Protein backbone atom coordinates (compact mmCIF):
# COMPACT_ATOMS: atom_id res chain seq x y z
CA MET A 1 -54.50 50.35 -30.31
CA GLY A 2 -57.93 48.91 -29.73
CA GLY A 3 -59.43 45.49 -30.13
CA GLY A 4 -60.24 46.09 -33.78
CA SER A 5 -56.60 46.80 -34.58
CA LEU A 6 -55.53 43.60 -32.84
CA ILE A 7 -58.04 41.54 -34.79
CA ALA A 8 -56.95 43.18 -38.06
CA LEU A 9 -53.31 42.43 -37.21
CA MET A 10 -54.10 38.78 -36.49
CA ILE A 11 -56.07 38.41 -39.73
CA ALA A 12 -53.22 40.01 -41.70
CA ALA A 13 -50.66 37.70 -40.05
CA ILE A 14 -52.72 34.61 -40.85
CA ALA A 15 -53.35 35.79 -44.41
CA PHE A 16 -49.68 36.58 -45.14
CA SER A 17 -48.41 33.31 -43.68
CA GLY A 18 -51.13 31.33 -45.48
CA MET A 19 -50.28 33.01 -48.78
CA ALA A 20 -46.58 32.23 -48.31
CA ILE A 21 -47.37 28.56 -47.70
CA LEU A 22 -49.68 28.36 -50.72
CA ILE A 23 -47.16 30.07 -53.01
CA SER A 24 -44.41 27.70 -51.88
CA LYS A 25 -46.66 24.69 -52.57
CA PHE A 26 -47.30 25.84 -56.14
CA VAL A 27 -43.83 27.14 -57.00
CA LEU A 28 -41.55 24.54 -55.42
CA LYS A 29 -41.27 21.02 -56.68
CA ALA A 30 -41.92 18.52 -53.90
CA THR A 31 -39.22 15.87 -53.72
CA THR A 32 -39.04 12.92 -51.39
CA ASN A 33 -36.01 10.80 -50.78
CA LYS A 34 -34.48 8.73 -48.00
CA GLN A 35 -32.13 11.47 -46.82
CA LYS A 36 -34.96 13.93 -46.18
CA GLY A 37 -36.57 11.50 -43.76
CA GLU A 38 -33.45 10.98 -41.65
CA ALA A 39 -32.55 12.90 -38.53
CA TYR A 40 -29.77 15.43 -39.09
CA GLU A 41 -26.99 15.35 -36.50
CA CYS A 42 -24.26 17.78 -37.55
CA GLY A 43 -23.66 16.06 -40.87
CA ILE A 44 -22.89 12.69 -39.32
CA PRO A 45 -25.06 9.81 -40.55
CA THR A 46 -27.23 8.36 -37.82
CA GLN A 47 -26.53 4.92 -36.47
CA GLY A 48 -29.32 2.82 -35.07
CA PRO A 49 -32.85 4.01 -34.42
CA SER A 50 -33.46 7.74 -34.18
CA TRP A 51 -36.22 7.37 -31.58
CA ILE A 52 -34.42 6.66 -28.34
CA GLN A 53 -35.39 7.58 -24.80
CA PHE A 54 -33.41 10.39 -23.16
CA ASN A 55 -32.90 10.92 -19.47
CA VAL A 56 -35.56 13.29 -18.11
CA GLY A 57 -32.80 15.13 -16.22
CA TYR A 58 -31.75 16.86 -19.43
CA TYR A 59 -35.23 18.35 -19.83
CA LEU A 60 -35.39 19.41 -16.18
CA PHE A 61 -32.01 21.09 -16.47
CA ALA A 62 -33.15 22.93 -19.61
CA LEU A 63 -36.33 24.11 -17.90
CA ILE A 64 -34.38 25.40 -14.92
CA PHE A 65 -32.06 27.24 -17.31
CA LEU A 66 -35.10 28.83 -18.97
CA ILE A 67 -36.48 29.93 -15.61
CA PHE A 68 -33.28 31.75 -14.72
CA ASP A 69 -32.96 33.10 -18.24
CA VAL A 70 -36.44 34.62 -17.96
CA GLU A 71 -35.40 36.04 -14.61
CA LEU A 72 -32.69 38.05 -16.35
CA ILE A 73 -35.19 39.29 -18.92
CA PHE A 74 -37.35 40.72 -16.13
CA LEU A 75 -34.37 42.04 -14.19
CA PHE A 76 -33.24 44.53 -16.85
CA PRO A 77 -36.47 46.57 -17.06
CA TRP A 78 -36.62 46.60 -13.27
CA ALA A 79 -33.09 48.02 -13.10
CA VAL A 80 -34.06 50.79 -15.51
CA VAL A 81 -37.02 52.06 -13.45
CA VAL A 82 -35.92 51.22 -9.90
CA LYS A 83 -35.00 54.83 -9.05
CA GLN A 84 -38.32 56.14 -10.30
CA VAL A 85 -40.47 53.60 -8.47
CA GLY A 86 -38.49 53.56 -5.23
CA TRP A 87 -38.85 51.10 -2.37
CA LEU A 88 -41.87 49.38 -3.88
CA ALA A 89 -39.73 48.13 -6.77
CA PHE A 90 -37.11 46.89 -4.30
CA VAL A 91 -39.69 44.95 -2.29
CA GLU A 92 -41.19 43.48 -5.46
CA ILE A 93 -37.82 42.26 -6.74
CA ILE A 94 -37.03 40.71 -3.35
CA ILE A 95 -40.34 38.80 -3.54
CA PHE A 96 -39.53 37.80 -7.14
CA PHE A 97 -36.09 36.50 -6.13
CA PHE A 98 -37.60 34.66 -3.16
CA ILE A 99 -40.06 32.83 -5.42
CA LEU A 100 -37.26 31.91 -7.84
CA PHE A 101 -35.04 30.78 -4.98
CA MET A 102 -37.82 28.55 -3.65
CA GLY A 103 -38.09 26.99 -7.12
CA PHE A 104 -34.34 26.47 -7.14
CA LEU A 105 -34.47 24.78 -3.72
CA TYR A 106 -37.31 22.54 -4.89
CA ALA A 107 -35.35 21.52 -8.00
CA HIS A 108 -32.25 20.88 -5.89
CA LYS A 109 -34.25 18.79 -3.41
CA LYS A 110 -35.71 16.70 -6.25
CA GLY A 111 -32.21 16.12 -7.67
CA ALA A 112 -32.86 17.92 -10.96
CA LEU A 113 -29.43 19.58 -10.82
CA GLN A 114 -27.41 16.38 -10.41
CA TRP A 115 -25.96 14.66 -13.46
CA LYS A 116 -26.40 10.91 -13.09
C-alpha cells in the first residue's frame, strides 16, 4: 500500500462523510427547542448552571487510567511474539515498565492519585 493508496483512502473517507452530512442536512428537518440545548444527565433534569468547574484531580486520574490502559494494549502483542524475539523483547518490556513506573511515581508524588 503506497502513498497514492493512502491519499485515495483519505479522499474517499472525506467524500463519504461529507456526503452523509449533506444528505442529512437536506433530508432531516432541523428543529430547535429548549430541551435540545440542555445538558443530558441520565434523564434527570439539570439544576442550576451546567457550566461548573470540576476538580482537576478527576482529569488527572482519567489520564493515568488511560496510560495504564494503553500499557495493556501494548502488552498483548508483546506476549504473542516474546518467544520469537527472545531476550531483546524482555529487555524492551522491562524498559517500558520502568518508564511507566516512573510516570506512576511522578503522579503519586504530585498527589494525582489522592481523592480530596
